Amino acid sequence: AGKPGLNCRIDIELEDERLCIRTDE
């Protein structure tokens, strides 16, 4: 069964930068 939860990371490449959005509060 484990513990309930979601965990993810979104990696985005723009023209001049990279963004990383992670699951948090």
PDBML (XML) file of the C-alpha atoms, coordinates in Angstrom:
<?xml version="1.0" encoding="UTF-8" ?>
<PDBx:datablock datablockName="MODEL"
   xmlns:PDBx="http://pdbml.pdb.org/schema/pdbx-v50.xsd"
   xmlns:xsi="http://www.w3.org/2001/XMLSchema-instance"
   xsi:schemaLocation="http://pdbml.pdb.org/schema/pdbx-v50.xsd pdbx-v50.xsd">
   <PDBx:atom_siteCategory>
      <PDBx:atom_site id="1">
         <PDBx:B_iso_or_equiv>0.00</PDBx:B_iso_or_equiv>
         <PDBx:Cartn_x>0.000</PDBx:Cartn_x>
         <PDBx:Cartn_y>0.000</PDBx:Cartn_y>
         <PDBx:Cartn_z>0.000</PDBx:Cartn_z>
         <PDBx:auth_asym_id>A</PDBx:auth_asym_id>
         <PDBx:auth_atom_id>CA</PDBx:auth_atom_id>
         <PDBx:auth_comp_id>ALA</PDBx:auth_comp_id>
         <PDBx:auth_seq_id>1</PDBx:auth_seq_id>
         <PDBx:group_PDB>ATOM</PDBx:group_PDB>
         <PDBx:label_alt_id xsi:nil="true" />
         <PDBx:label_asym_id>A</PDBx:label_asym_id>
         <PDBx:label_atom_id>CA</PDBx:label_atom_id>
         <PDBx:label_comp_id>ALA</PDBx:label_comp_id>
         <PDBx:label_entity_id>1</PDBx:label_entity_id>
         <PDBx:label_seq_id>1</PDBx:label_seq_id>
         <PDBx:occupancy>1.00</PDBx:occupancy>
         <PDBx:pdbx_PDB_model_num>1</PDBx:pdbx_PDB_model_num>
         <PDBx:type_symbol>C</PDBx:type_symbol>
      </PDBx:atom_site>
      <PDBx:atom_site id="2">
         <PDBx:B_iso_or_equiv>0.00</PDBx:B_iso_or_equiv>
         <PDBx:Cartn_x>2.683</PDBx:Cartn_x>
         <PDBx:Cartn_y>2.575</PDBx:Cartn_y>
         <PDBx:Cartn_z>0.873</PDBx:Cartn_z>
         <PDBx:auth_asym_id>A</PDBx:auth_asym_id>
         <PDBx:auth_atom_id>CA</PDBx:auth_atom_id>
         <PDBx:auth_comp_id>GLY</PDBx:auth_comp_id>
         <PDBx:auth_seq_id>2</PDBx:auth_seq_id>
         <PDBx:group_PDB>ATOM</PDBx:group_PDB>
         <PDBx:label_alt_id xsi:nil="true" />
         <PDBx:label_asym_id>A</PDBx:label_asym_id>
         <PDBx:label_atom_id>CA</PDBx:label_atom_id>
         <PDBx:label_comp_id>GLY</PDBx:label_comp_id>
         <PDBx:label_entity_id>1</PDBx:label_entity_id>
         <PDBx:label_seq_id>2</PDBx:label_seq_id>
         <PDBx:occupancy>1.00</PDBx:occupancy>
         <PDBx:pdbx_PDB_model_num>1</PDBx:pdbx_PDB_model_num>
         <PDBx:type_symbol>C</PDBx:type_symbol>
      </PDBx:atom_site>
      <PDBx:atom_site id="3">
         <PDBx:B_iso_or_equiv>0.00</PDBx:B_iso_or_equiv>
         <PDBx:Cartn_x>1.880</PDBx:Cartn_x>
         <PDBx:Cartn_y>6.153</PDBx:Cartn_y>
         <PDBx:Cartn_z>1.870</PDBx:Cartn_z>
         <PDBx:auth_asym_id>A</PDBx:auth_asym_id>
         <PDBx:auth_atom_id>CA</PDBx:auth_atom_id>
         <PDBx:auth_comp_id>LYS</PDBx:auth_comp_id>
         <PDBx:auth_seq_id>3</PDBx:auth_seq_id>
         <PDBx:group_PDB>ATOM</PDBx:group_PDB>
         <PDBx:label_alt_id xsi:nil="true" />
         <PDBx:label_asym_id>A</PDBx:label_asym_id>
         <PDBx:label_atom_id>CA</PDBx:label_atom_id>
         <PDBx:label_comp_id>LYS</PDBx:label_comp_id>
         <PDBx:label_entity_id>1</PDBx:label_entity_id>
         <PDBx:label_seq_id>3</PDBx:label_seq_id>
         <PDBx:occupancy>1.00</PDBx:occupancy>
         <PDBx:pdbx_PDB_model_num>1</PDBx:pdbx_PDB_model_num>
         <PDBx:type_symbol>C</PDBx:type_symbol>
      </PDBx:atom_site>
      <PDBx:atom_site id="4">
         <PDBx:B_iso_or_equiv>0.00</PDBx:B_iso_or_equiv>
         <PDBx:Cartn_x>-0.351</PDBx:Cartn_x>
         <PDBx:Cartn_y>8.350</PDBx:Cartn_y>
         <PDBx:Cartn_z>-0.299</PDBx:Cartn_z>
         <PDBx:auth_asym_id>A</PDBx:auth_asym_id>
         <PDBx:auth_atom_id>CA</PDBx:auth_atom_id>
         <PDBx:auth_comp_id>PRO</PDBx:auth_comp_id>
         <PDBx:auth_seq_id>4</PDBx:auth_seq_id>
         <PDBx:group_PDB>ATOM</PDBx:group_PDB>
         <PDBx:label_alt_id xsi:nil="true" />
         <PDBx:label_asym_id>A</PDBx:label_asym_id>
         <PDBx:label_atom_id>CA</PDBx:label_atom_id>
         <PDBx:label_comp_id>PRO</PDBx:label_comp_id>
         <PDBx:label_entity_id>1</PDBx:label_entity_id>
         <PDBx:label_seq_id>4</PDBx:label_seq_id>
         <PDBx:occupancy>1.00</PDBx:occupancy>
         <PDBx:pdbx_PDB_model_num>1</PDBx:pdbx_PDB_model_num>
         <PDBx:type_symbol>C</PDBx:type_symbol>
      </PDBx:atom_site>
      <PDBx:atom_site id="5">
         <PDBx:B_iso_or_equiv>0.00</PDBx:B_iso_or_equiv>
         <PDBx:Cartn_x>1.353</PDBx:Cartn_x>
         <PDBx:Cartn_y>11.034</PDBx:Cartn_y>
         <PDBx:Cartn_z>-2.313</PDBx:Cartn_z>
         <PDBx:auth_asym_id>A</PDBx:auth_asym_id>
         <PDBx:auth_atom_id>CA</PDBx:auth_atom_id>
         <PDBx:auth_comp_id>GLY</PDBx:auth_comp_id>
         <PDBx:auth_seq_id>5</PDBx:auth_seq_id>
         <PDBx:group_PDB>ATOM</PDBx:group_PDB>
         <PDBx:label_alt_id xsi:nil="true" />
         <PDBx:label_asym_id>A</PDBx:label_asym_id>
         <PDBx:label_atom_id>CA</PDBx:label_atom_id>
         <PDBx:label_comp_id>GLY</PDBx:label_comp_id>
         <PDBx:label_entity_id>1</PDBx:label_entity_id>
         <PDBx:label_seq_id>5</PDBx:label_seq_id>
         <PDBx:occupancy>1.00</PDBx:occupancy>
         <PDBx:pdbx_PDB_model_num>1</PDBx:pdbx_PDB_model_num>
         <PDBx:type_symbol>C</PDBx:type_symbol>
      </PDBx:atom_site>
      <PDBx:atom_site id="6">
         <PDBx:B_iso_or_equiv>0.00</PDBx:B_iso_or_equiv>
         <PDBx:Cartn_x>2.297</PDBx:Cartn_x>
         <PDBx:Cartn_y>12.744</PDBx:Cartn_y>
         <PDBx:Cartn_z>-5.545</PDBx:Cartn_z>
         <PDBx:auth_asym_id>A</PDBx:auth_asym_id>
         <PDBx:auth_atom_id>CA</PDBx:auth_atom_id>
         <PDBx:auth_comp_id>LEU</PDBx:auth_comp_id>
         <PDBx:auth_seq_id>6</PDBx:auth_seq_id>
         <PDBx:group_PDB>ATOM</PDBx:group_PDB>
         <PDBx:label_alt_id xsi:nil="true" />
         <PDBx:label_asym_id>A</PDBx:label_asym_id>
         <PDBx:label_atom_id>CA</PDBx:label_atom_id>
         <PDBx:label_comp_id>LEU</PDBx:label_comp_id>
         <PDBx:label_entity_id>1</PDBx:label_entity_id>
         <PDBx:label_seq_id>6</PDBx:label_seq_id>
         <PDBx:occupancy>1.00</PDBx:occupancy>
         <PDBx:pdbx_PDB_model_num>1</PDBx:pdbx_PDB_model_num>
         <PDBx:type_symbol>C</PDBx:type_symbol>
      </PDBx:atom_site>
      <PDBx:atom_site id="7">
         <PDBx:B_iso_or_equiv>0.00</PDBx:B_iso_or_equiv>
         <PDBx:Cartn_x>5.814</PDBx:Cartn_x>
         <PDBx:Cartn_y>13.713</PDBx:Cartn_y>
         <PDBx:Cartn_z>-6.551</PDBx:Cartn_z>
         <PDBx:auth_asym_id>A</PDBx:auth_asym_id>
         <PDBx:auth_atom_id>CA</PDBx:auth_atom_id>
         <PDBx:auth_comp_id>ASN</PDBx:auth_comp_id>
         <PDBx:auth_seq_id>7</PDBx:auth_seq_id>
         <PDBx:group_PDB>ATOM</PDBx:group_PDB>
         <PDBx:label_alt_id xsi:nil="true" />
         <PDBx:label_asym_id>A</PDBx:label_asym_id>
         <PDBx:label_atom_id>CA</PDBx:label_atom_id>
         <PDBx:label_comp_id>ASN</PDBx:label_comp_id>
         <PDBx:label_entity_id>1</PDBx:label_entity_id>
         <PDBx:label_seq_id>7</PDBx:label_seq_id>
         <PDBx:occupancy>1.00</PDBx:occupancy>
         <PDBx:pdbx_PDB_model_num>1</PDBx:pdbx_PDB_model_num>
         <PDBx:type_symbol>C</PDBx:type_symbol>
      </PDBx:atom_site>
      <PDBx:atom_site id="8">
         <PDBx:B_iso_or_equiv>0.00</PDBx:B_iso_or_equiv>
         <PDBx:Cartn_x>6.738</PDBx:Cartn_x>
         <PDBx:Cartn_y>15.479</PDBx:Cartn_y>
         <PDBx:Cartn_z>-9.788</PDBx:Cartn_z>
         <PDBx:auth_asym_id>A</PDBx:auth_asym_id>
         <PDBx:auth_atom_id>CA</PDBx:auth_atom_id>
         <PDBx:auth_comp_id>CYS</PDBx:auth_comp_id>
         <PDBx:auth_seq_id>8</PDBx:auth_seq_id>
         <PDBx:group_PDB>ATOM</PDBx:group_PDB>
         <PDBx:label_alt_id xsi:nil="true" />
         <PDBx:label_asym_id>A</PDBx:label_asym_id>
         <PDBx:label_atom_id>CA</PDBx:label_atom_id>
         <PDBx:label_comp_id>CYS</PDBx:label_comp_id>
         <PDBx:label_entity_id>1</PDBx:label_entity_id>
         <PDBx:label_seq_id>8</PDBx:label_seq_id>
         <PDBx:occupancy>1.00</PDBx:occupancy>
         <PDBx:pdbx_PDB_model_num>1</PDBx:pdbx_PDB_model_num>
         <PDBx:type_symbol>C</PDBx:type_symbol>
      </PDBx:atom_site>
      <PDBx:atom_site id="9">
         <PDBx:B_iso_or_equiv>0.00</PDBx:B_iso_or_equiv>
         <PDBx:Cartn_x>9.133</PDBx:Cartn_x>
         <PDBx:Cartn_y>17.801</PDBx:Cartn_y>
         <PDBx:Cartn_z>-11.553</PDBx:Cartn_z>
         <PDBx:auth_asym_id>A</PDBx:auth_asym_id>
         <PDBx:auth_atom_id>CA</PDBx:auth_atom_id>
         <PDBx:auth_comp_id>ARG</PDBx:auth_comp_id>
         <PDBx:auth_seq_id>9</PDBx:auth_seq_id>
         <PDBx:group_PDB>ATOM</PDBx:group_PDB>
         <PDBx:label_alt_id xsi:nil="true" />
         <PDBx:label_asym_id>A</PDBx:label_asym_id>
         <PDBx:label_atom_id>CA</PDBx:label_atom_id>
         <PDBx:label_comp_id>ARG</PDBx:label_comp_id>
         <PDBx:label_entity_id>1</PDBx:label_entity_id>
         <PDBx:label_seq_id>9</PDBx:label_seq_id>
         <PDBx:occupancy>1.00</PDBx:occupancy>
         <PDBx:pdbx_PDB_model_num>1</PDBx:pdbx_PDB_model_num>
         <PDBx:type_symbol>C</PDBx:type_symbol>
      </PDBx:atom_site>
      <PDBx:atom_site id="10">
         <PDBx:B_iso_or_equiv>0.00</PDBx:B_iso_or_equiv>
         <PDBx:Cartn_x>8.415</PDBx:Cartn_x>
         <PDBx:Cartn_y>20.013</PDBx:Cartn_y>
         <PDBx:Cartn_z>-14.567</PDBx:Cartn_z>
         <PDBx:auth_asym_id>A</PDBx:auth_asym_id>
         <PDBx:auth_atom_id>CA</PDBx:auth_atom_id>
         <PDBx:auth_comp_id>ILE</PDBx:auth_comp_id>
         <PDBx:auth_seq_id>10</PDBx:auth_seq_id>
         <PDBx:group_PDB>ATOM</PDBx:group_PDB>
         <PDBx:label_alt_id xsi:nil="true" />
         <PDBx:label_asym_id>A</PDBx:label_asym_id>
         <PDBx:label_atom_id>CA</PDBx:label_atom_id>
         <PDBx:label_comp_id>ILE</PDBx:label_comp_id>
         <PDBx:label_entity_id>1</PDBx:label_entity_id>
         <PDBx:label_seq_id>10</PDBx:label_seq_id>
         <PDBx:occupancy>1.00</PDBx:occupancy>
         <PDBx:pdbx_PDB_model_num>1</PDBx:pdbx_PDB_model_num>
         <PDBx:type_symbol>C</PDBx:type_symbol>
      </PDBx:atom_site>
      <PDBx:atom_site id="11">
         <PDBx:B_iso_or_equiv>0.00</PDBx:B_iso_or_equiv>
         <PDBx:Cartn_x>11.447</PDBx:Cartn_x>
         <PDBx:Cartn_y>20.967</PDBx:Cartn_y>
         <PDBx:Cartn_z>-16.676</PDBx:Cartn_z>
         <PDBx:auth_asym_id>A</PDBx:auth_asym_id>
         <PDBx:auth_atom_id>CA</PDBx:auth_atom_id>
         <PDBx:auth_comp_id>ASP</PDBx:auth_comp_id>
         <PDBx:auth_seq_id>11</PDBx:auth_seq_id>
         <PDBx:group_PDB>ATOM</PDBx:group_PDB>
         <PDBx:label_alt_id xsi:nil="true" />
         <PDBx:label_asym_id>A</PDBx:label_asym_id>
         <PDBx:label_atom_id>CA</PDBx:label_atom_id>
         <PDBx:label_comp_id>ASP</PDBx:label_comp_id>
         <PDBx:label_entity_id>1</PDBx:label_entity_id>
         <PDBx:label_seq_id>11</PDBx:label_seq_id>
         <PDBx:occupancy>1.00</PDBx:occupancy>
         <PDBx:pdbx_PDB_model_num>1</PDBx:pdbx_PDB_model_num>
         <PDBx:type_symbol>C</PDBx:type_symbol>
      </PDBx:atom_site>
      <PDBx:atom_site id="12">
         <PDBx:B_iso_or_equiv>0.00</PDBx:B_iso_or_equiv>
         <PDBx:Cartn_x>10.900</PDBx:Cartn_x>
         <PDBx:Cartn_y>23.859</PDBx:Cartn_y>
         <PDBx:Cartn_z>-19.091</PDBx:Cartn_z>
         <PDBx:auth_asym_id>A</PDBx:auth_asym_id>
         <PDBx:auth_atom_id>CA</PDBx:auth_atom_id>
         <PDBx:auth_comp_id>ILE</PDBx:auth_comp_id>
         <PDBx:auth_seq_id>12</PDBx:auth_seq_id>
         <PDBx:group_PDB>ATOM</PDBx:group_PDB>
         <PDBx:label_alt_id xsi:nil="true" />
         <PDBx:label_asym_id>A</PDBx:label_asym_id>
         <PDBx:label_atom_id>CA</PDBx:label_atom_id>
         <PDBx:label_comp_id>ILE</PDBx:label_comp_id>
         <PDBx:label_entity_id>1</PDBx:label_entity_id>
         <PDBx:label_seq_id>12</PDBx:label_seq_id>
         <PDBx:occupancy>1.00</PDBx:occupancy>
         <PDBx:pdbx_PDB_model_num>1</PDBx:pdbx_PDB_model_num>
         <PDBx:type_symbol>C</PDBx:type_symbol>
      </PDBx:atom_site>
      <PDBx:atom_site id="13">
         <PDBx:B_iso_or_equiv>0.00</PDBx:B_iso_or_equiv>
         <PDBx:Cartn_x>13.344</PDBx:Cartn_x>
         <PDBx:Cartn_y>25.181</PDBx:Cartn_y>
         <PDBx:Cartn_z>-21.674</PDBx:Cartn_z>
         <PDBx:auth_asym_id>A</PDBx:auth_asym_id>
         <PDBx:auth_atom_id>CA</PDBx:auth_atom_id>
         <PDBx:auth_comp_id>GLU</PDBx:auth_comp_id>
         <PDBx:auth_seq_id>13</PDBx:auth_seq_id>
         <PDBx:group_PDB>ATOM</PDBx:group_PDB>
         <PDBx:label_alt_id xsi:nil="true" />
         <PDBx:label_asym_id>A</PDBx:label_asym_id>
         <PDBx:label_atom_id>CA</PDBx:label_atom_id>
         <PDBx:label_comp_id>GLU</PDBx:label_comp_id>
         <PDBx:label_entity_id>1</PDBx:label_entity_id>
         <PDBx:label_seq_id>13</PDBx:label_seq_id>
         <PDBx:occupancy>1.00</PDBx:occupancy>
         <PDBx:pdbx_PDB_model_num>1</PDBx:pdbx_PDB_model_num>
         <PDBx:type_symbol>C</PDBx:type_symbol>
      </PDBx:atom_site>
      <PDBx:atom_site id="14">
         <PDBx:B_iso_or_equiv>0.00</PDBx:B_iso_or_equiv>
         <PDBx:Cartn_x>12.682</PDBx:Cartn_x>
         <PDBx:Cartn_y>28.747</PDBx:Cartn_y>
         <PDBx:Cartn_z>-22.799</PDBx:Cartn_z>
         <PDBx:auth_asym_id>A</PDBx:auth_asym_id>
         <PDBx:auth_atom_id>CA</PDBx:auth_atom_id>
         <PDBx:auth_comp_id>LEU</PDBx:auth_comp_id>
         <PDBx:auth_seq_id>14</PDBx:auth_seq_id>
         <PDBx:group_PDB>ATOM</PDBx:group_PDB>
         <PDBx:label_alt_id xsi:nil="true" />
         <PDBx:label_asym_id>A</PDBx:label_asym_id>
         <PDBx:label_atom_id>CA</PDBx:label_atom_id>
         <PDBx:label_comp_id>LEU</PDBx:label_comp_id>
         <PDBx:label_entity_id>1</PDBx:label_entity_id>
         <PDBx:label_seq_id>14</PDBx:label_seq_id>
         <PDBx:occupancy>1.00</PDBx:occupancy>
         <PDBx:pdbx_PDB_model_num>1</PDBx:pdbx_PDB_model_num>
         <PDBx:type_symbol>C</PDBx:type_symbol>
      </PDBx:atom_site>
      <PDBx:atom_site id="15">
         <PDBx:B_iso_or_equiv>0.00</PDBx:B_iso_or_equiv>
         <PDBx:Cartn_x>14.691</PDBx:Cartn_x>
         <PDBx:Cartn_y>30.704</PDBx:Cartn_y>
         <PDBx:Cartn_z>-25.359</PDBx:Cartn_z>
         <PDBx:auth_asym_id>A</PDBx:auth_asym_id>
         <PDBx:auth_atom_id>CA</PDBx:auth_atom_id>
         <PDBx:auth_comp_id>GLU</PDBx:auth_comp_id>
         <PDBx:auth_seq_id>15</PDBx:auth_seq_id>
         <PDBx:group_PDB>ATOM</PDBx:group_PDB>
         <PDBx:label_alt_id xsi:nil="true" />
         <PDBx:label_asym_id>A</PDBx:label_asym_id>
         <PDBx:label_atom_id>CA</PDBx:label_atom_id>
         <PDBx:label_comp_id>GLU</PDBx:label_comp_id>
         <PDBx:label_entity_id>1</PDBx:label_entity_id>
         <PDBx:label_seq_id>15</PDBx:label_seq_id>
         <PDBx:occupancy>1.00</PDBx:occupancy>
         <PDBx:pdbx_PDB_model_num>1</PDBx:pdbx_PDB_model_num>
         <PDBx:type_symbol>C</PDBx:type_symbol>
      </PDBx:atom_site>
      <PDBx:atom_site id="16">
         <PDBx:B_iso_or_equiv>0.00</PDBx:B_iso_or_equiv>
         <PDBx:Cartn_x>17.205</PDBx:Cartn_x>
         <PDBx:Cartn_y>32.017</PDBx:Cartn_y>
         <PDBx:Cartn_z>-22.820</PDBx:Cartn_z>
         <PDBx:auth_asym_id>A</PDBx:auth_asym_id>
         <PDBx:auth_atom_id>CA</PDBx:auth_atom_id>
         <PDBx:auth_comp_id>ASP</PDBx:auth_comp_id>
         <PDBx:auth_seq_id>16</PDBx:auth_seq_id>
         <PDBx:group_PDB>ATOM</PDBx:group_PDB>
         <PDBx:label_alt_id xsi:nil="true" />
         <PDBx:label_asym_id>A</PDBx:label_asym_id>
         <PDBx:label_atom_id>CA</PDBx:label_atom_id>
         <PDBx:label_comp_id>ASP</PDBx:label_comp_id>
         <PDBx:label_entity_id>1</PDBx:label_entity_id>
         <PDBx:label_seq_id>16</PDBx:label_seq_id>
         <PDBx:occupancy>1.00</PDBx:occupancy>
         <PDBx:pdbx_PDB_model_num>1</PDBx:pdbx_PDB_model_num>
         <PDBx:type_symbol>C</PDBx:type_symbol>
      </PDBx:atom_site>
      <PDBx:atom_site id="17">
         <PDBx:B_iso_or_equiv>0.00</PDBx:B_iso_or_equiv>
         <PDBx:Cartn_x>16.601</PDBx:Cartn_x>
         <PDBx:Cartn_y>30.095</PDBx:Cartn_y>
         <PDBx:Cartn_z>-19.572</PDBx:Cartn_z>
         <PDBx:auth_asym_id>A</PDBx:auth_asym_id>
         <PDBx:auth_atom_id>CA</PDBx:auth_atom_id>
         <PDBx:auth_comp_id>GLU</PDBx:auth_comp_id>
         <PDBx:auth_seq_id>17</PDBx:auth_seq_id>
         <PDBx:group_PDB>ATOM</PDBx:group_PDB>
         <PDBx:label_alt_id xsi:nil="true" />
         <PDBx:label_asym_id>A</PDBx:label_asym_id>
         <PDBx:label_atom_id>CA</PDBx:label_atom_id>
         <PDBx:label_comp_id>GLU</PDBx:label_comp_id>
         <PDBx:label_entity_id>1</PDBx:label_entity_id>
         <PDBx:label_seq_id>17</PDBx:label_seq_id>
         <PDBx:occupancy>1.00</PDBx:occupancy>
         <PDBx:pdbx_PDB_model_num>1</PDBx:pdbx_PDB_model_num>
         <PDBx:type_symbol>C</PDBx:type_symbol>
      </PDBx:atom_site>
      <PDBx:atom_site id="18">
         <PDBx:B_iso_or_equiv>0.00</PDBx:B_iso_or_equiv>
         <PDBx:Cartn_x>15.603</PDBx:Cartn_x>
         <PDBx:Cartn_y>26.815</PDBx:Cartn_y>
         <PDBx:Cartn_z>-18.012</PDBx:Cartn_z>
         <PDBx:auth_asym_id>A</PDBx:auth_asym_id>
         <PDBx:auth_atom_id>CA</PDBx:auth_atom_id>
         <PDBx:auth_comp_id>ARG</PDBx:auth_comp_id>
         <PDBx:auth_seq_id>18</PDBx:auth_seq_id>
         <PDBx:group_PDB>ATOM</PDBx:group_PDB>
         <PDBx:label_alt_id xsi:nil="true" />
         <PDBx:label_asym_id>A</PDBx:label_asym_id>
         <PDBx:label_atom_id>CA</PDBx:label_atom_id>
         <PDBx:label_comp_id>ARG</PDBx:label_comp_id>
         <PDBx:label_entity_id>1</PDBx:label_entity_id>
         <PDBx:label_seq_id>18</PDBx:label_seq_id>
         <PDBx:occupancy>1.00</PDBx:occupancy>
         <PDBx:pdbx_PDB_model_num>1</PDBx:pdbx_PDB_model_num>
         <PDBx:type_symbol>C</PDBx:type_symbol>
      </PDBx:atom_site>
      <PDBx:atom_site id="19">
         <PDBx:B_iso_or_equiv>0.00</PDBx:B_iso_or_equiv>
         <PDBx:Cartn_x>12.915</PDBx:Cartn_x>
         <PDBx:Cartn_y>26.513</PDBx:Cartn_y>
         <PDBx:Cartn_z>-15.354</PDBx:Cartn_z>
         <PDBx:auth_asym_id>A</PDBx:auth_asym_id>
         <PDBx:auth_atom_id>CA</PDBx:auth_atom_id>
         <PDBx:auth_comp_id>LEU</PDBx:auth_comp_id>
         <PDBx:auth_seq_id>19</PDBx:auth_seq_id>
         <PDBx:group_PDB>ATOM</PDBx:group_PDB>
         <PDBx:label_alt_id xsi:nil="true" />
         <PDBx:label_asym_id>A</PDBx:label_asym_id>
         <PDBx:label_atom_id>CA</PDBx:label_atom_id>
         <PDBx:label_comp_id>LEU</PDBx:label_comp_id>
         <PDBx:label_entity_id>1</PDBx:label_entity_id>
         <PDBx:label_seq_id>19</PDBx:label_seq_id>
         <PDBx:occupancy>1.00</PDBx:occupancy>
         <PDBx:pdbx_PDB_model_num>1</PDBx:pdbx_PDB_model_num>
         <PDBx:type_symbol>C</PDBx:type_symbol>
      </PDBx:atom_site>
      <PDBx:atom_site id="20">
         <PDBx:B_iso_or_equiv>0.00</PDBx:B_iso_or_equiv>
         <PDBx:Cartn_x>12.315</PDBx:Cartn_x>
         <PDBx:Cartn_y>23.672</PDBx:Cartn_y>
         <PDBx:Cartn_z>-12.920</PDBx:Cartn_z>
         <PDBx:auth_asym_id>A</PDBx:auth_asym_id>
         <PDBx:auth_atom_id>CA</PDBx:auth_atom_id>
         <PDBx:auth_comp_id>CYS</PDBx:auth_comp_id>
         <PDBx:auth_seq_id>20</PDBx:auth_seq_id>
         <PDBx:group_PDB>ATOM</PDBx:group_PDB>
         <PDBx:label_alt_id xsi:nil="true" />
         <PDBx:label_asym_id>A</PDBx:label_asym_id>
         <PDBx:label_atom_id>CA</PDBx:label_atom_id>
         <PDBx:label_comp_id>CYS</PDBx:label_comp_id>
         <PDBx:label_entity_id>1</PDBx:label_entity_id>
         <PDBx:label_seq_id>20</PDBx:label_seq_id>
         <PDBx:occupancy>1.00</PDBx:occupancy>
         <PDBx:pdbx_PDB_model_num>1</PDBx:pdbx_PDB_model_num>
         <PDBx:type_symbol>C</PDBx:type_symbol>
      </PDBx:atom_site>
      <PDBx:atom_site id="21">
         <PDBx:B_iso_or_equiv>0.00</PDBx:B_iso_or_equiv>
         <PDBx:Cartn_x>9.042</PDBx:Cartn_x>
         <PDBx:Cartn_y>23.434</PDBx:Cartn_y>
         <PDBx:Cartn_z>-11.019</PDBx:Cartn_z>
         <PDBx:auth_asym_id>A</PDBx:auth_asym_id>
         <PDBx:auth_atom_id>CA</PDBx:auth_atom_id>
         <PDBx:auth_comp_id>ILE</PDBx:auth_comp_id>
         <PDBx:auth_seq_id>21</PDBx:auth_seq_id>
         <PDBx:group_PDB>ATOM</PDBx:group_PDB>
         <PDBx:label_alt_id xsi:nil="true" />
         <PDBx:label_asym_id>A</PDBx:label_asym_id>
         <PDBx:label_atom_id>CA</PDBx:label_atom_id>
         <PDBx:label_comp_id>ILE</PDBx:label_comp_id>
         <PDBx:label_entity_id>1</PDBx:label_entity_id>
         <PDBx:label_seq_id>21</PDBx:label_seq_id>
         <PDBx:occupancy>1.00</PDBx:occupancy>
         <PDBx:pdbx_PDB_model_num>1</PDBx:pdbx_PDB_model_num>
         <PDBx:type_symbol>C</PDBx:type_symbol>
      </PDBx:atom_site>
      <PDBx:atom_site id="22">
         <PDBx:B_iso_or_equiv>0.00</PDBx:B_iso_or_equiv>
         <PDBx:Cartn_x>8.871</PDBx:Cartn_x>
         <PDBx:Cartn_y>20.733</PDBx:Cartn_y>
         <PDBx:Cartn_z>-8.342</PDBx:Cartn_z>
         <PDBx:auth_asym_id>A</PDBx:auth_asym_id>
         <PDBx:auth_atom_id>CA</PDBx:auth_atom_id>
         <PDBx:auth_comp_id>ARG</PDBx:auth_comp_id>
         <PDBx:auth_seq_id>22</PDBx:auth_seq_id>
         <PDBx:group_PDB>ATOM</PDBx:group_PDB>
         <PDBx:label_alt_id xsi:nil="true" />
         <PDBx:label_asym_id>A</PDBx:label_asym_id>
         <PDBx:label_atom_id>CA</PDBx:label_atom_id>
         <PDBx:label_comp_id>ARG</PDBx:label_comp_id>
         <PDBx:label_entity_id>1</PDBx:label_entity_id>
         <PDBx:label_seq_id>22</PDBx:label_seq_id>
         <PDBx:occupancy>1.00</PDBx:occupancy>
         <PDBx:pdbx_PDB_model_num>1</PDBx:pdbx_PDB_model_num>
         <PDBx:type_symbol>C</PDBx:type_symbol>
      </PDBx:atom_site>
      <PDBx:atom_site id="23">
         <PDBx:B_iso_or_equiv>0.00</PDBx:B_iso_or_equiv>
         <PDBx:Cartn_x>6.097</PDBx:Cartn_x>
         <PDBx:Cartn_y>19.557</PDBx:Cartn_y>
         <PDBx:Cartn_z>-6.079</PDBx:Cartn_z>
         <PDBx:auth_asym_id>A</PDBx:auth_asym_id>
         <PDBx:auth_atom_id>CA</PDBx:auth_atom_id>
         <PDBx:auth_comp_id>THR</PDBx:auth_comp_id>
         <PDBx:auth_seq_id>23</PDBx:auth_seq_id>
         <PDBx:group_PDB>ATOM</PDBx:group_PDB>
         <PDBx:label_alt_id xsi:nil="true" />
         <PDBx:label_asym_id>A</PDBx:label_asym_id>
         <PDBx:label_atom_id>CA</PDBx:label_atom_id>
         <PDBx:label_comp_id>THR</PDBx:label_comp_id>
         <PDBx:label_entity_id>1</PDBx:label_entity_id>
         <PDBx:label_seq_id>23</PDBx:label_seq_id>
         <PDBx:occupancy>1.00</PDBx:occupancy>
         <PDBx:pdbx_PDB_model_num>1</PDBx:pdbx_PDB_model_num>
         <PDBx:type_symbol>C</PDBx:type_symbol>
      </PDBx:atom_site>
      <PDBx:atom_site id="24">
         <PDBx:B_iso_or_equiv>0.00</PDBx:B_iso_or_equiv>
         <PDBx:Cartn_x>6.159</PDBx:Cartn_x>
         <PDBx:Cartn_y>21.436</PDBx:Cartn_y>
         <PDBx:Cartn_z>-2.786</PDBx:Cartn_z>
         <PDBx:auth_asym_id>A</PDBx:auth_asym_id>
         <PDBx:auth_atom_id>CA</PDBx:auth_atom_id>
         <PDBx:auth_comp_id>ASP</PDBx:auth_comp_id>
         <PDBx:auth_seq_id>24</PDBx:auth_seq_id>
         <PDBx:group_PDB>ATOM</PDBx:group_PDB>
         <PDBx:label_alt_id xsi:nil="true" />
         <PDBx:label_asym_id>A</PDBx:label_asym_id>
         <PDBx:label_atom_id>CA</PDBx:label_atom_id>
         <PDBx:label_comp_id>ASP</PDBx:label_comp_id>
         <PDBx:label_entity_id>1</PDBx:label_entity_id>
         <PDBx:label_seq_id>24</PDBx:label_seq_id>
         <PDBx:occupancy>1.00</PDBx:occupancy>
         <PDBx:pdbx_PDB_model_num>1</PDBx:pdbx_PDB_model_num>
         <PDBx:type_symbol>C</PDBx:type_symbol>
      </PDBx:atom_site>
      <PDBx:atom_site id="25">
         <PDBx:B_iso_or_equiv>0.00</PDBx:B_iso_or_equiv>
         <PDBx:Cartn_x>3.771</PDBx:Cartn_x>
         <PDBx:Cartn_y>23.072</PDBx:Cartn_y>
         <PDBx:Cartn_z>-0.305</PDBx:Cartn_z>
         <PDBx:auth_asym_id>A</PDBx:auth_asym_id>
         <PDBx:auth_atom_id>CA</PDBx:auth_atom_id>
         <PDBx:auth_comp_id>GLU</PDBx:auth_comp_id>
         <PDBx:auth_seq_id>25</PDBx:auth_seq_id>
         <PDBx:group_PDB>ATOM</PDBx:group_PDB>
         <PDBx:label_alt_id xsi:nil="true" />
         <PDBx:label_asym_id>A</PDBx:label_asym_id>
         <PDBx:label_atom_id>CA</PDBx:label_atom_id>
         <PDBx:label_comp_id>GLU</PDBx:label_comp_id>
         <PDBx:label_entity_id>1</PDBx:label_entity_id>
         <PDBx:label_seq_id>25</PDBx:label_seq_id>
         <PDBx:occupancy>1.00</PDBx:occupancy>
         <PDBx:pdbx_PDB_model_num>1</PDBx:pdbx_PDB_model_num>
         <PDBx:type_symbol>C</PDBx:type_symbol>
      </PDBx:atom_site>
   </PDBx:atom_siteCategory>
</PDBx:datablock>
